[in-house]
Amino acid sequence: MSSARTSAESAWRLLHSDALVGTITVDGGDFPWLVGRFAAEPAFEEVRPWFEEVLAVLETDDFDRFDAVYDPIAEALTLVSPEGPVSEFLLYIEGDEARFRY
């Protein structure tokens, strides 16, 4: 595939307002999910609890709470592909790994 969004070398940016939260370097995936290495920036510390809470909800299978805990991520963060911002996305970050779809 030659598309920048699925290339193993494609870098995606995660923003909170105008601050760079981190960069995801895509290195694989299983359609529709992409997987990559997450390089956190200092601004990630402010939003890290959101991702930790989402992972905790997923581990307990408490899907009734999922939307409520994911909403801050969807409302406050912007995921920017190599081609520009995406309108909607689902993103999980655990350590230095990111898994997302858009």
C-alpha atoms as a PDB file:
ATOM      1  CA  MET A   1       0.000   0.000   0.000  1.00  0.00           C
ATOM      2  CA  SER A   2       1.333   3.398  -0.857  1.00  0.00           C
ATOM      3  CA  SER A   3      -1.120   5.478   1.155  1.00  0.00           C
ATOM      4  CA  ALA A   4       0.619   7.613   3.784  1.00  0.00           C
ATOM      5  CA  ARG A   5      -1.962   6.699   6.401  1.00  0.00           C
ATOM      6  CA  THR A   6      -1.176   2.987   6.265  1.00  0.00           C
ATOM      7  CA  SER A   7       2.536   3.190   5.519  1.00  0.00           C
ATOM      8  CA  ALA A   8       4.827   1.697   8.131  1.00  0.00           C
ATOM      9  CA  GLU A   9       6.616   5.033   8.231  1.00  0.00           C
ATOM     10  CA  SER A  10       3.563   7.228   8.721  1.00  0.00           C
ATOM     11  CA  ALA A  11       3.615   9.489  11.768  1.00  0.00           C
ATOM     12  CA  TRP A  12       0.409  10.723  13.375  1.00  0.00           C
ATOM     13  CA  ARG A  13       0.261  13.556  15.901  1.00  0.00           C
ATOM     14  CA  LEU A  14      -1.978  13.800  18.953  1.00  0.00           C
ATOM     15  CA  LEU A  15      -2.817  17.360  20.000  1.00  0.00           C
ATOM     16  CA  HIS A  16      -4.497  18.956  23.019  1.00  0.00           C
ATOM     17  CA  SER A  17      -5.443  22.451  21.856  1.00  0.00           C
ATOM     18  CA  ASP A  18      -2.226  23.424  20.044  1.00  0.00           C
ATOM     19  CA  ALA A  19       0.091  21.410  22.294  1.00  0.00           C
ATOM     20  CA  LEU A  20       1.693  18.259  20.947  1.00  0.00           C
ATOM     21  CA  VAL A  21       0.762  15.416  23.298  1.00  0.00           C
ATOM     22  CA  GLY A  22       2.651  12.732  21.398  1.00  0.00           C
ATOM     23  CA  THR A  23       3.479  11.117  18.093  1.00  0.00           C
ATOM     24  CA  ILE A  24       2.362   7.713  16.873  1.00  0.00           C
ATOM     25  CA  THR A  25       4.591   5.979  14.341  1.00  0.00           C
ATOM     26  CA  VAL A  26       2.410   3.382  12.665  1.00  0.00           C
ATOM     27  CA  ASP A  27       4.145   0.049  12.274  1.00  0.00           C
ATOM     28  CA  GLY A  28       1.260  -2.329  11.676  1.00  0.00           C
ATOM     29  CA  GLY A  29      -2.390  -3.015  12.079  1.00  0.00           C
ATOM     30  CA  ASP A  30      -5.344  -5.188  11.367  1.00  0.00           C
ATOM     31  CA  PHE A  31      -7.996  -3.271   9.416  1.00  0.00           C
ATOM     32  CA  PRO A  32      -9.656  -1.110  10.591  1.00  0.00           C
ATOM     33  CA  TRP A  33      -7.150  -0.757  13.455  1.00  0.00           C
ATOM     34  CA  LEU A  34      -3.680   0.745  13.154  1.00  0.00           C
ATOM     35  CA  VAL A  35      -0.960   0.042  15.712  1.00  0.00           C
ATOM     36  CA  GLY A  36       2.176   1.999  16.399  1.00  0.00           C
ATOM     37  CA  ARG A  37       4.788   3.255  18.798  1.00  0.00           C
ATOM     38  CA  PHE A  38       3.667   6.186  20.939  1.00  0.00           C
ATOM     39  CA  ALA A  39       6.274   8.808  21.818  1.00  0.00           C
ATOM     40  CA  ALA A  40       4.813  10.920  24.612  1.00  0.00           C
ATOM     41  CA  GLU A  41       5.580  14.599  25.002  1.00  0.00           C
ATOM     42  CA  PRO A  42       5.435  16.402  28.377  1.00  0.00           C
ATOM     43  CA  ALA A  43       1.838  17.508  27.600  1.00  0.00           C
ATOM     44  CA  PHE A  44       0.767  13.835  27.705  1.00  0.00           C
ATOM     45  CA  GLU A  45       0.991  13.836  31.506  1.00  0.00           C
ATOM     46  CA  GLU A  46      -2.115  16.039  31.669  1.00  0.00           C
ATOM     47  CA  VAL A  47      -4.244  13.562  29.683  1.00  0.00           C
ATOM     48  CA  ARG A  48      -2.620  10.253  30.727  1.00  0.00           C
ATOM     49  CA  PRO A  49      -5.332   9.604  33.380  1.00  0.00           C
ATOM     50  CA  TRP A  50      -8.001   9.646  30.664  1.00  0.00           C
ATOM     51  CA  PHE A  51      -6.287   6.799  28.804  1.00  0.00           C
ATOM     52  CA  GLU A  52      -5.648   4.881  32.021  1.00  0.00           C
ATOM     53  CA  GLU A  53      -9.337   5.117  32.937  1.00  0.00           C
ATOM     54  CA  VAL A  54     -10.406   3.874  29.497  1.00  0.00           C
ATOM     55  CA  LEU A  55      -8.088   0.864  29.811  1.00  0.00           C
ATOM     56  CA  ALA A  56      -9.446   0.126  33.287  1.00  0.00           C
ATOM     57  CA  VAL A  57     -13.020   0.169  31.966  1.00  0.00           C
ATOM     58  CA  LEU A  58     -12.072  -2.170  29.124  1.00  0.00           C
ATOM     59  CA  GLU A  59     -10.410  -4.599  31.547  1.00  0.00           C
ATOM     60  CA  THR A  60     -13.578  -4.828  33.665  1.00  0.00           C
ATOM     61  CA  ASP A  61     -15.875  -5.102  30.628  1.00  0.00           C
ATOM     62  CA  ASP A  62     -17.952  -2.249  32.084  1.00  0.00           C
ATOM     63  CA  PHE A  63     -19.017  -1.067  28.635  1.00  0.00           C
ATOM     64  CA  ASP A  64     -21.882   0.982  30.064  1.00  0.00           C
ATOM     65  CA  ARG A  65     -19.235   3.413  31.375  1.00  0.00           C
ATOM     66  CA  PHE A  66     -17.100   3.451  28.229  1.00  0.00           C
ATOM     67  CA  ASP A  67     -18.651   6.500  26.535  1.00  0.00           C
ATOM     68  CA  ALA A  68     -18.468   8.567  29.718  1.00  0.00           C
ATOM     69  CA  VAL A  69     -14.776   7.852  30.260  1.00  0.00           C
ATOM     70  CA  TYR A  70     -13.834   8.162  26.574  1.00  0.00           C
ATOM     71  CA  ASP A  71     -15.678  11.470  26.014  1.00  0.00           C
ATOM     72  CA  PRO A  72     -12.843  13.693  27.367  1.00  0.00           C
ATOM     73  CA  ILE A  73     -10.450  12.144  24.833  1.00  0.00           C
ATOM     74  CA  ALA A  74     -12.858  12.591  21.930  1.00  0.00           C
ATOM     75  CA  GLU A  75     -13.797  16.131  22.935  1.00  0.00           C
ATOM     76  CA  ALA A  76     -10.409  17.583  23.892  1.00  0.00           C
ATOM     77  CA  LEU A  77      -7.882  15.833  21.660  1.00  0.00           C
ATOM     78  CA  THR A  78      -7.211  15.988  17.945  1.00  0.00           C
ATOM     79  CA  LEU A  79      -5.624  13.156  15.993  1.00  0.00           C
ATOM     80  CA  VAL A  80      -3.740  14.402  12.947  1.00  0.00           C
ATOM     81  CA  SER A  81      -2.823  11.984  10.178  1.00  0.00           C
ATOM     82  CA  PRO A  82      -0.016  12.725   7.713  1.00  0.00           C
ATOM     83  CA  GLU A  83      -2.824  14.033   5.468  1.00  0.00           C
ATOM     84  CA  GLY A  84      -4.502  16.228   8.115  1.00  0.00           C
ATOM     85  CA  PRO A  85      -6.856  16.021  11.099  1.00  0.00           C
ATOM     86  CA  VAL A  86      -9.366  13.179  11.293  1.00  0.00           C
ATOM     87  CA  SER A  87     -12.909  13.969  12.393  1.00  0.00           C
ATOM     88  CA  GLU A  88     -13.523  10.942  14.625  1.00  0.00           C
ATOM     89  CA  PHE A  89     -11.221   8.360  16.148  1.00  0.00           C
ATOM     90  CA  LEU A  90     -10.989   5.674  18.779  1.00  0.00           C
ATOM     91  CA  LEU A  91      -7.562   5.583  20.436  1.00  0.00           C
ATOM     92  CA  TYR A  92      -6.018   3.453  23.164  1.00  0.00           C
ATOM     93  CA  ILE A  93      -2.576   4.213  24.573  1.00  0.00           C
ATOM     94  CA  GLU A  94      -0.812   1.792  26.861  1.00  0.00           C
ATOM     95  CA  GLY A  95       2.807   2.511  27.647  1.00  0.00           C
ATOM     96  CA  ASP A  96       4.573   3.186  24.368  1.00  0.00           C
ATOM     97  CA  GLU A  97       1.953   1.435  22.220  1.00  0.00           C
ATOM     98  CA  ALA A  98      -1.005   3.081  20.537  1.00  0.00           C
ATOM     99  CA  ARG A  99      -3.900   1.337  18.822  1.00  0.00           C
ATOM    100  CA  PHE A 100      -6.451   3.380  16.920  1.00  0.00           C
ATOM    101  CA  ARG A 101      -9.054   3.552  14.192  1.00  0.00           C
ATOM    102  CA  TYR A 102     -10.675   6.511  12.524  1.00  0.00           C
END
